[in-house]
C-alpha atoms as a PDB file:
ATOM      1  CA  MET A   1     216.187-115.183-155.157  1.00  0.00           C
ATOM      2  CA  VAL A   2     213.015-114.639-153.177  1.00  0.00           C
ATOM      3  CA  LEU A   3     210.633-117.542-152.774  1.00  0.00           C
ATOM      4  CA  GLU A   4     207.046-116.342-152.477  1.00  0.00           C
ATOM      5  CA  GLY A   5     204.995-117.842-149.683  1.00  0.00           C
ATOM      6  CA  ILE A   6     207.806-119.859-148.092  1.00  0.00           C
ATOM      7  CA  PRO A   7     209.002-118.499-144.741  1.00  0.00           C
ATOM      8  CA  MET A   8     212.749-118.028-144.466  1.00  0.00           C
ATOM      9  CA  GLU A   9     212.827-119.789-141.082  1.00  0.00           C
ATOM     10  CA  GLY A  10     211.482-122.939-142.697  1.00  0.00           C
ATOM     11  CA  LEU A  11     214.155-122.910-145.379  1.00  0.00           C
ATOM     12  CA  LEU A  12     216.839-122.395-142.742  1.00  0.00           C
ATOM     13  CA  ALA A  13     215.465-125.338-140.747  1.00  0.00           C
ATOM     14  CA  ILE A  14     215.586-127.528-143.848  1.00  0.00           C
ATOM     15  CA  GLY A  15     219.174-126.454-144.476  1.00  0.00           C
ATOM     16  CA  ALA A  16     220.166-127.224-140.879  1.00  0.00           C
ATOM     17  CA  GLY A  17     218.513-130.630-141.061  1.00  0.00           C
ATOM     18  CA  LEU A  18     220.291-131.406-144.303  1.00  0.00           C
ATOM     19  CA  ALA A  19     223.618-130.323-142.808  1.00  0.00           C
ATOM     20  CA  ILE A  20     223.268-132.780-139.926  1.00  0.00           C
ATOM     21  CA  GLY A  21     221.749-135.552-142.033  1.00  0.00           C
ATOM     22  CA  VAL A  22     224.357-135.483-144.790  1.00  0.00           C
ATOM     23  CA  ALA A  23     227.139-135.245-142.203  1.00  0.00           C
ATOM     24  CA  ALA A  24     225.727-138.285-140.396  1.00  0.00           C
ATOM     25  CA  ILE A  25     225.641-140.271-143.637  1.00  0.00           C
ATOM     26  CA  GLY A  26     229.238-139.279-144.364  1.00  0.00           C
ATOM     27  CA  THR A  27     230.285-140.309-140.860  1.00  0.00           C
ATOM     28  CA  GLY A  28     228.627-143.682-141.268  1.00  0.00           C
ATOM     29  CA  MET A  29     230.315-144.233-144.595  1.00  0.00           C
ATOM     30  CA  GLY A  30     233.681-143.391-143.057  1.00  0.00           C
ATOM     31  CA  GLN A  31     233.187-145.591-140.023  1.00  0.00           C
ATOM     32  CA  LYS A  32     232.043-148.638-141.976  1.00  0.00           C
ATOM     33  CA  ASP A  33     235.564-149.022-143.330  1.00  0.00           C
ATOM     34  CA  THR A  34     237.774-147.756-140.528  1.00  0.00           C
ATOM     35  CA  LEU A  35     236.256-149.385-137.444  1.00  0.00           C
ATOM     36  CA  PRO A  36     236.437-153.032-138.597  1.00  0.00           C
ATOM     37  CA  ALA A  37     240.043-152.475-139.685  1.00  0.00           C
ATOM     38  CA  ALA A  38     240.897-150.869-136.349  1.00  0.00           C
ATOM     39  CA  ILE A  39     239.270-153.685-134.366  1.00  0.00           C
ATOM     40  CA  GLY A  40     241.103-156.285-136.449  1.00  0.00           C
ATOM     41  CA  ALA A  41     244.412-154.527-135.926  1.00  0.00           C
ATOM     42  CA  ILE A  42     243.843-154.308-132.155  1.00  0.00           C
ATOM     43  CA  SER A  43     243.037-158.011-131.993  1.00  0.00           C
ATOM     44  CA  GLU A  44     246.368-158.799-133.651  1.00  0.00           C
ATOM     45  CA  ASP A  45     248.458-156.294-131.677  1.00  0.00           C
ATOM     46  CA  PRO A  46     246.898-154.677-128.575  1.00  0.00           C
ATOM     47  CA  LYS A  47     249.780-152.181-128.341  1.00  0.00           C
ATOM     48  CA  ILE A  48     248.353-150.119-131.231  1.00  0.00           C
ATOM     49  CA  PHE A  49     245.118-149.323-129.397  1.00  0.00           C
ATOM     50  CA  ALA A  50     245.852-145.575-129.298  1.00  0.00           C
ATOM     51  CA  LYS A  51     246.525-145.384-133.033  1.00  0.00           C
ATOM     52  CA  ALA A  52     243.387-147.389-133.780  1.00  0.00           C
ATOM     53  CA  LEU A  53     241.359-145.132-131.502  1.00  0.00           C
ATOM     54  CA  ILE A  54     242.473-142.103-133.503  1.00  0.00           C
ATOM     55  CA  PHE A  55     241.285-143.764-136.712  1.00  0.00           C
ATOM     56  CA  ALA A  56     237.966-144.560-135.024  1.00  0.00           C
ATOM     57  CA  VAL A  57     237.463-140.944-133.935  1.00  0.00           C
ATOM     58  CA  LEU A  58     238.444-139.241-137.212  1.00  0.00           C
ATOM     59  CA  PRO A  59     235.135-139.870-139.033  1.00  0.00           C
ATOM     60  CA  GLU A  60     233.235-138.375-136.083  1.00  0.00           C
ATOM     61  CA  THR A  61     234.741-134.977-136.867  1.00  0.00           C
ATOM     62  CA  ILE A  62     232.574-134.858-139.988  1.00  0.00           C
ATOM     63  CA  LEU A  63     229.462-134.991-137.815  1.00  0.00           C
ATOM     64  CA  ILE A  64     230.840-132.307-135.498  1.00  0.00           C
ATOM     65  CA  PHE A  65     231.326-130.046-138.529  1.00  0.00           C
ATOM     66  CA  GLY A  66     227.716-130.794-139.525  1.00  0.00           C
ATOM     67  CA  PHE A  67     226.471-129.748-136.079  1.00  0.00           C
ATOM     68  CA  VAL A  68     228.494-126.546-136.192  1.00  0.00           C
ATOM     69  CA  THR A  69     227.134-125.757-139.639  1.00  0.00           C
ATOM     70  CA  ALA A  70     223.578-126.424-138.476  1.00  0.00           C
ATOM     71  CA  PHE A  71     223.987-124.122-135.474  1.00  0.00           C
ATOM     72  CA  LEU A  72     225.372-121.401-137.726  1.00  0.00           C
ATOM     73  CA  ILE A  73     222.435-121.795-140.095  1.00  0.00           C
ATOM     74  CA  ILE A  74     219.906-121.663-137.251  1.00  0.00           C
ATOM     75  CA  GLY A  75     221.732-118.615-135.893  1.00  0.00           C
ATOM     76  CA  MET A  76     220.999-116.814-139.154  1.00  0.00           C
ATOM     77  CA  ALA A  77     217.284-116.953-138.329  1.00  0.00           C
ATOM     78  CA  HIS A  78     217.646-114.729-135.262  1.00  0.00           C
END
């Protein structure tokens, strides 16, 4: 589908922005549940810090995937 009058670079920029923005929202939604639970578990038993840290880092991978997707989209413009 060809959109008349809209430059392709602009559409790619919108797609890259959406990729990062939606990934950031997903990361925030994931962290709002996992981080308070991890902090509460660490306060009860400090020996599980490493396991809680893994649960804190897991939602961040969603944002990393969003950045990778955005860079791939921007790379399509060149």
